[in-house]
Protein backbone atom coordinates (compact mmCIF):
# COMPACT_ATOMS: atom_id res chain seq x y z
CA MET A 1 154.13 100.61 109.17
CA LEU A 2 152.91 97.03 109.26
CA VAL A 3 149.63 95.94 107.66
CA VAL A 4 148.42 92.54 108.86
CA GLY A 5 145.84 91.13 106.44
CA SER A 6 145.90 91.51 102.68
CA GLY A 7 142.26 91.71 101.73
CA LEU A 8 140.63 94.68 100.02
CA ILE A 9 140.94 97.06 103.00
CA GLY A 10 144.41 96.03 104.15
CA THR A 11 145.89 96.13 100.66
CA SER A 12 144.20 99.46 99.91
CA ILE A 13 145.74 100.90 103.08
CA ALA A 14 149.18 99.56 102.10
CA LEU A 15 148.77 100.84 98.56
CA GLY A 16 147.73 104.29 99.75
CA LEU A 17 150.55 104.55 102.28
CA VAL A 18 153.22 103.41 99.81
CA ALA A 19 151.91 105.93 97.27
CA ARG A 20 152.39 108.63 99.91
CA GLY A 21 156.00 107.64 100.55
CA TYR A 22 155.70 105.51 103.67
CA ASP A 23 157.79 102.39 104.29
CA VAL A 24 155.21 99.61 104.56
CA VAL A 25 155.56 95.91 105.33
CA ILE A 26 152.72 93.46 104.93
CA SER A 27 151.80 90.09 106.40
CA ASP A 28 149.09 87.50 105.80
CA SER A 29 148.61 83.86 106.77
CA ASP A 30 147.65 83.15 103.13
CA GLU A 31 150.92 83.23 101.17
CA LEU A 32 149.21 83.71 97.79
CA ALA A 33 147.13 86.64 99.10
CA GLU A 34 150.29 88.05 100.66
CA GLN A 35 152.18 87.92 97.37
CA THR A 36 149.25 89.47 95.50
CA ALA A 37 149.06 92.30 98.03
CA MET A 38 152.77 93.03 97.80
CA ALA A 39 152.68 93.09 94.00
CA LYS A 40 149.64 95.35 94.04
CA SER A 41 150.80 97.78 96.73
CA GLY A 42 154.58 97.83 96.49
CA ALA A 43 154.86 96.97 100.18
CA ARG A 44 157.65 94.75 101.49
CA LEU A 45 157.18 91.35 103.12
CA TRP A 46 157.30 91.47 106.91
CA ASP A 47 159.81 88.98 108.30
CA GLY A 48 157.87 88.51 111.52
CA HIS A 49 160.47 90.33 113.62
CA GLU A 50 161.06 93.81 112.18
CA GLN A 51 159.92 96.50 114.60
CA VAL A 52 157.52 99.14 113.29
CA ASP A 53 155.91 102.36 114.50
CA LEU A 54 152.30 101.57 113.59
CA VAL A 55 150.42 98.31 113.05
CA ILE A 56 147.12 98.16 111.14
CA VAL A 57 145.24 94.92 111.74
CA ALA A 58 143.01 94.16 108.75
CA THR A 59 142.06 90.57 109.52
CA PRO A 60 138.55 89.05 109.74
CA PRO A 61 136.72 90.17 112.91
CA SER A 62 136.84 86.71 114.51
CA SER A 63 140.64 86.82 114.65
CA THR A 64 141.23 90.54 115.19
CA ALA A 65 141.49 90.44 119.00
CA ASN A 66 143.91 87.48 118.95
CA VAL A 67 146.11 89.13 116.33
CA ILE A 68 146.21 92.37 118.35
CA ARG A 69 147.09 90.40 121.49
CA GLU A 70 150.03 88.73 119.71
CA LEU A 71 151.28 92.02 118.29
CA VAL A 72 151.14 93.74 121.68
CA ALA A 73 153.79 91.26 122.79
CA THR A 74 155.98 91.31 119.66
CA GLN A 75 155.75 95.05 118.91
CA PRO A 76 156.24 96.66 122.33
CA ASN A 77 156.70 100.20 120.98
CA ALA A 78 154.11 100.32 118.21
CA VAL A 79 150.67 101.90 118.15
CA ILE A 80 148.19 99.21 117.13
CA THR A 81 144.88 99.85 115.39
CA ASP A 82 142.35 97.76 113.49
CA VAL A 83 139.81 98.28 110.71
CA SER A 84 137.03 95.99 111.93
CA SER A 85 133.40 97.07 111.68
CA ILE A 86 132.77 95.90 115.25
CA LYS A 87 134.40 97.35 118.32
CA GLY A 88 132.78 96.41 121.61
CA SER A 89 133.37 92.66 121.42
CA ILE A 90 136.98 93.10 120.26
CA PHE A 91 137.89 95.41 123.13
CA ALA A 92 136.04 93.17 125.58
CA ASP A 93 138.34 90.32 124.52
CA LEU A 94 141.37 92.54 125.20
CA SER A 95 140.22 93.96 128.53
CA ASP A 96 142.60 91.77 130.54
CA LEU A 97 145.70 93.43 129.03
CA ASP A 98 147.62 95.77 131.29
CA VAL A 99 147.09 99.52 131.12
CA GLN A 100 150.40 100.18 129.36
CA ASP A 101 149.50 97.84 126.51
CA LEU A 102 145.93 99.12 126.26
CA SER A 103 147.23 102.69 126.07
CA ARG A 104 148.61 102.09 122.56
CA ILE A 105 145.58 100.24 121.14
CA VAL A 106 143.16 102.38 119.13
CA GLY A 107 139.99 101.16 117.42
CA GLY A 108 139.48 102.16 113.80
CA HIS A 109 136.83 101.59 111.16
CA PRO A 110 137.15 103.11 107.69
CA MET A 111 133.61 103.46 106.29
CA ALA A 112 134.63 102.40 102.81
CA GLY A 113 134.52 99.29 100.70
CA ARG A 114 133.64 97.78 97.36
CA GLU A 115 131.33 95.06 96.07
CA VAL A 116 134.44 93.09 95.08
CA SER A 117 136.98 91.74 97.55
CA GLY A 118 140.62 90.70 97.71
CA ALA A 119 143.98 92.37 97.21
CA ALA A 120 143.57 92.59 93.43
CA SER A 121 140.59 94.93 93.94
CA ALA A 122 142.50 97.38 96.16
CA LEU A 123 142.49 101.11 95.38
CA SER A 124 144.88 103.73 96.69
CA ASN A 125 142.04 106.28 96.86
CA LEU A 126 139.48 103.97 98.46
CA PHE A 127 139.29 106.09 101.62
CA VAL A 128 139.34 109.57 100.08
CA ASP A 129 136.51 111.69 101.51
CA ARG A 130 135.13 108.70 103.44
CA SER A 131 134.53 108.67 107.18
CA TRP A 132 137.06 106.80 109.33
CA VAL A 133 135.62 106.18 112.79
CA ILE A 134 138.21 106.12 115.58
CA THR A 135 137.46 104.80 119.06
CA ARG A 136 139.31 104.76 122.37
CA ASN A 137 139.39 102.11 125.03
CA PRO A 138 139.47 103.53 128.60
CA SER A 139 143.28 103.53 128.59
CA THR A 140 144.06 104.77 125.06
CA SER A 141 146.65 107.55 125.15
CA ASP A 142 146.19 110.83 123.32
CA GLU A 143 149.44 110.20 121.45
CA ALA A 144 148.25 106.84 120.13
CA PHE A 145 144.88 108.30 119.21
CA SER A 146 146.54 111.14 117.27
CA THR A 147 148.67 108.63 115.38
CA VAL A 148 145.56 106.90 114.01
CA VAL A 149 143.91 110.24 113.24
CA ASN A 150 146.97 111.09 111.16
CA LEU A 151 146.79 107.70 109.42
CA ALA A 152 143.21 108.31 108.36
CA SER A 153 143.98 111.86 107.25
CA ASP A 154 147.03 110.76 105.25
CA LEU A 155 144.81 108.36 103.32
CA GLY A 156 142.35 111.14 102.52
CA ALA A 157 139.67 110.01 104.97
CA ILE A 158 137.71 112.12 107.45
CA PRO A 159 138.54 111.06 111.06
CA ILE A 160 135.48 110.93 113.32
CA GLU A 161 135.67 110.03 117.01
CA ARG A 162 132.99 107.82 118.55
CA THR A 163 132.79 105.76 121.72
CA LEU A 164 132.70 101.97 121.44
CA VAL A 165 128.97 101.94 122.23
CA GLU A 166 128.18 104.74 119.80
CA HIS A 167 130.09 103.01 117.02
CA ASP A 168 128.43 99.62 117.39
CA ARG A 169 124.98 101.16 117.75
CA ALA A 170 125.47 103.27 114.64
CA VAL A 171 126.82 100.54 112.38
CA ALA A 172 124.01 98.22 113.46
CA LEU A 173 121.58 100.78 112.04
CA ILE A 174 123.40 102.02 108.95
CA SER A 175 125.34 98.93 107.85
CA HIS A 176 124.64 95.65 109.60
CA THR A 177 120.83 95.68 109.57
CA PRO A 178 120.68 96.79 105.90
CA GLN A 179 122.89 93.80 105.07
CA VAL A 180 120.48 91.42 106.83
CA VAL A 181 117.40 93.01 105.26
CA ALA A 182 118.94 92.96 101.77
CA SER A 183 120.00 89.32 102.14
CA VAL A 184 116.61 88.16 103.42
CA LEU A 185 114.78 90.07 100.68
CA ALA A 186 117.10 88.70 97.98
CA SER A 187 116.53 85.17 99.25
CA GLN A 188 112.86 85.55 98.29
CA LEU A 189 113.99 85.32 94.67
CA LEU A 190 115.21 81.73 95.08
CA GLU A 191 111.74 80.19 94.98
CA ALA A 192 110.13 82.85 92.79
CA GLU A 193 108.79 82.14 89.32
CA GLU A 194 111.36 82.87 86.62
CA ARG A 195 108.80 84.96 84.74
CA ASP A 196 108.39 87.14 87.84
CA VAL A 197 112.14 87.60 88.37
CA GLU A 198 112.56 88.66 84.74
CA LEU A 199 110.51 91.78 85.47
CA ALA A 200 112.86 93.00 88.22
CA GLY A 201 113.79 96.64 87.80
CA GLN A 202 116.24 99.04 89.33
CA GLY A 203 114.25 99.42 92.54
CA LEU A 204 114.81 95.81 93.53
CA ARG A 205 118.40 95.83 92.28
CA ASP A 206 119.17 98.91 94.40
CA THR A 207 117.57 97.36 97.47
CA ILE A 208 119.42 94.02 97.31
CA ARG A 209 122.74 95.21 95.85
CA ILE A 210 124.71 94.42 99.00
CA ALA A 211 123.22 90.92 99.29
CA SER A 212 126.15 89.64 97.22
CA SER A 213 128.59 90.48 100.03
CA ASN A 214 130.87 87.77 101.47
CA ALA A 215 128.68 85.58 103.69
CA ASP A 216 131.55 84.20 105.80
CA LEU A 217 132.87 87.67 106.64
CA TRP A 218 129.41 89.06 107.34
CA GLY A 219 128.59 86.12 109.58
CA GLN A 220 131.54 87.15 111.77
CA ILE A 221 130.57 90.81 111.73
CA LEU A 222 126.98 90.12 112.73
CA ALA A 223 128.06 87.74 115.49
CA GLY A 224 130.38 90.41 116.88
CA ASN A 225 127.57 92.97 117.10
CA ALA A 226 124.73 90.54 117.71
CA THR A 227 122.84 92.42 120.43
CA GLU A 228 122.57 95.73 118.57
CA VAL A 229 121.78 94.07 115.23
CA ALA A 230 119.15 91.80 116.77
CA ARG A 231 117.48 94.83 118.34
CA ARG A 232 117.32 96.64 115.01
CA VAL A 233 116.24 93.59 113.00
CA THR A 234 113.48 92.91 115.55
CA ALA A 235 112.23 96.47 115.15
CA VAL A 236 112.19 96.16 111.35
CA ALA A 237 110.41 92.81 111.55
CA HIS A 238 107.79 94.30 113.88
CA ASP A 239 107.11 97.20 111.52
CA LEU A 240 106.87 94.88 108.52
CA ALA A 241 104.42 92.69 110.40
CA GLU A 242 102.33 95.77 111.18
CA VAL A 243 102.25 96.70 107.49
CA ALA A 244 101.19 93.14 106.59
CA ARG A 245 98.41 93.30 109.17
CA ALA A 246 97.25 96.67 107.84
CA LEU A 247 97.17 95.35 104.27
CA LEU A 248 95.07 92.34 105.24
CA ASP A 249 92.75 94.57 107.27
CA HIS A 250 92.47 97.06 104.37
CA ASP A 251 93.80 99.70 106.77
CA GLN A 252 95.04 102.14 104.15
CA ALA A 253 95.75 104.87 106.70
CA SER A 254 98.31 102.70 108.50
CA VAL A 255 99.97 101.66 105.24
CA HIS A 256 100.14 105.31 104.19
CA GLU A 257 101.64 106.26 107.55
CA ALA A 258 104.38 103.62 107.16
CA LEU A 259 105.28 104.94 103.71
CA VAL A 260 105.36 108.54 104.92
CA LYS A 261 107.61 107.62 107.85
CA GLY A 262 109.93 105.87 105.40
CA SER A 263 110.18 109.00 103.30
CA GLN A 264 110.77 111.13 106.38
CA GLY A 265 113.48 108.78 107.58
CA ARG A 266 115.26 108.88 104.24
CA ASP A 267 115.19 112.67 104.35
CA ARG A 268 117.33 112.55 107.50
CA LEU A 269 120.29 111.25 105.50
CA PRO A 270 122.87 113.96 104.87
CA GLY A 271 123.22 115.35 101.35
CA LYS A 272 126.32 115.28 99.20
CA HIS A 273 129.59 115.84 101.05
CA GLY A 274 127.71 115.61 104.37
CA THR A 275 125.86 118.87 103.77
CA GLU A 276 122.19 119.51 104.49
CA ARG A 277 119.85 117.82 102.02
CA LYS A 278 118.39 120.14 99.42
CA SER A 279 115.44 119.96 97.07
CA LEU A 280 116.30 118.12 93.85
CA ALA A 281 114.48 117.06 90.71
CA THR A 282 114.99 114.20 88.25
CA LEU A 283 115.03 113.99 84.48
CA SER A 284 114.97 110.67 82.62
CA VAL A 285 116.70 110.09 79.29
CA ARG A 286 116.42 107.01 77.06
CA LEU A 287 119.91 105.97 75.98
CA ASP A 288 121.09 103.44 73.42
CA ASP A 289 123.37 100.81 74.93
CA GLN A 290 126.45 101.54 72.85
CA PRO A 291 129.94 103.01 73.40
CA GLY A 292 130.15 106.75 73.90
CA GLU A 293 126.49 107.54 74.54
CA LEU A 294 126.86 108.08 78.28
CA ALA A 295 129.96 110.24 77.74
CA ARG A 296 128.06 112.26 75.13
CA LEU A 297 125.21 112.80 77.59
CA PHE A 298 127.61 114.02 80.28
CA ALA A 299 129.28 116.34 77.78
CA VAL A 300 125.95 117.93 76.85
CA ALA A 301 125.16 118.52 80.52
CA ALA A 302 128.58 120.11 81.04
CA GLN A 303 128.20 122.36 78.01
CA ALA A 304 124.80 123.46 79.33
CA GLY A 305 126.42 124.37 82.66
CA VAL A 306 124.30 121.87 84.58
CA ASN A 307 125.83 119.97 87.51
CA LEU A 308 124.57 116.39 87.80
CA GLU A 309 123.92 115.72 91.48
CA ASP A 310 123.42 112.00 90.90
CA VAL A 311 123.04 109.48 88.07
CA ARG A 312 121.23 106.14 87.98
CA ILE A 313 120.84 103.73 85.07
CA ASP A 314 117.91 101.33 84.68
CA HIS A 315 118.45 98.81 81.86
CA SER A 316 115.43 97.91 79.75
CA LEU A 317 114.19 94.32 79.55
CA GLY A 318 114.62 92.86 76.06
CA ARG A 319 115.92 96.10 74.49
CA MET A 320 119.41 97.47 73.92
CA THR A 321 118.50 100.69 75.69
CA GLY A 322 118.61 102.05 79.20
CA LEU A 323 116.81 104.74 81.11
CA VAL A 324 119.26 107.19 82.69
CA GLU A 325 117.83 109.11 85.62
CA LEU A 326 119.61 112.42 86.14
CA THR A 327 119.23 114.25 89.43
CA VAL A 328 119.67 118.03 89.22
CA GLU A 329 118.62 121.18 91.01
CA PRO A 330 115.01 122.04 90.04
CA HIS A 331 115.89 125.24 88.15
CA ASN A 332 118.17 123.22 85.85
CA VAL A 333 115.50 120.79 84.63
CA SER A 334 114.26 122.92 81.73
CA VAL A 335 117.80 123.97 80.78
CA LEU A 336 119.00 120.38 80.61
CA GLU A 337 115.87 119.16 78.82
CA VAL A 338 116.35 121.70 76.01
CA ALA A 339 120.07 120.88 75.72
CA LEU A 340 119.49 117.13 75.58
CA SER A 341 116.64 117.37 73.09
CA SER A 342 118.81 119.58 70.86
CA ALA A 343 121.49 116.86 70.94
CA ASP A 344 118.95 114.25 69.75
CA PHE A 345 118.51 112.54 73.11
CA THR A 346 115.06 111.21 74.00
CA VAL A 347 113.92 112.89 77.20
CA VAL A 348 111.18 110.92 78.98
CA THR A 349 108.72 113.18 80.78
């Protein structure tokens, strides 16, 4: 297998495949990145001529179509897939290829990533239990499609088939628009008073977490899915403008309606492991910021037989403490509260 591109995703794929016993070669236009990826993954250097069975193109979106086009010519027997988060514009650029070549091109998009980039940040288990969207062009063969399904499965991902249109529409909603909203919101901090920024809590941090993403890469992604993203961003901007109008008009009913709709929309997200969302409760614990305290808290929960559905930490301003918010099933709240209090933790009610 050949992996072209040695960033986080490409190197993680190479690392995962090598760990599972596959013979993997890797290539990148950046020699230093290429060497880092090989050292990290254990993959061999591609000599530019060796024939392979499967090619995974993990280059920036702006170059993906050109790279695929070149590989179609130099790898006449290989199935070729990509990992780009845009699909329609890439396949539009390849639409002039003949049917035989198009038959072995399969679109792919592993729905996984990290806040850090580059080969050094690669993980062999990055894709485990994550969705891997797989798309066909009109000529994609069933054999080629199955090859990419097997790739995703071998790396521990969950293969999900979508059309090109369905994919780009979905990622505009769940990935691309959130990136724009987070970035625009975070930019409001640039001109804010320092005393105001100092008061920022976990709510703001959660909302703008992805604003630190690579701007060059995201510029390419947004350009490749511009129509769908623009439609979603326009809708968000319209709704925000309506809330602003309602606030100025003291229209509390409209503000309340917007907040309720937001809550209802969030409730549509699937629960853990893609299951139906269930009713949960939270318990907050004040924790000293020192080694071993978080592990001790988890141990107490385990000893009490309570499964932690989710954990969030909010660090206190000016104090060496944090507030740990534990999400559990409602019937476990009292059990966990007694166990934590008995272990000298401060439960905040």
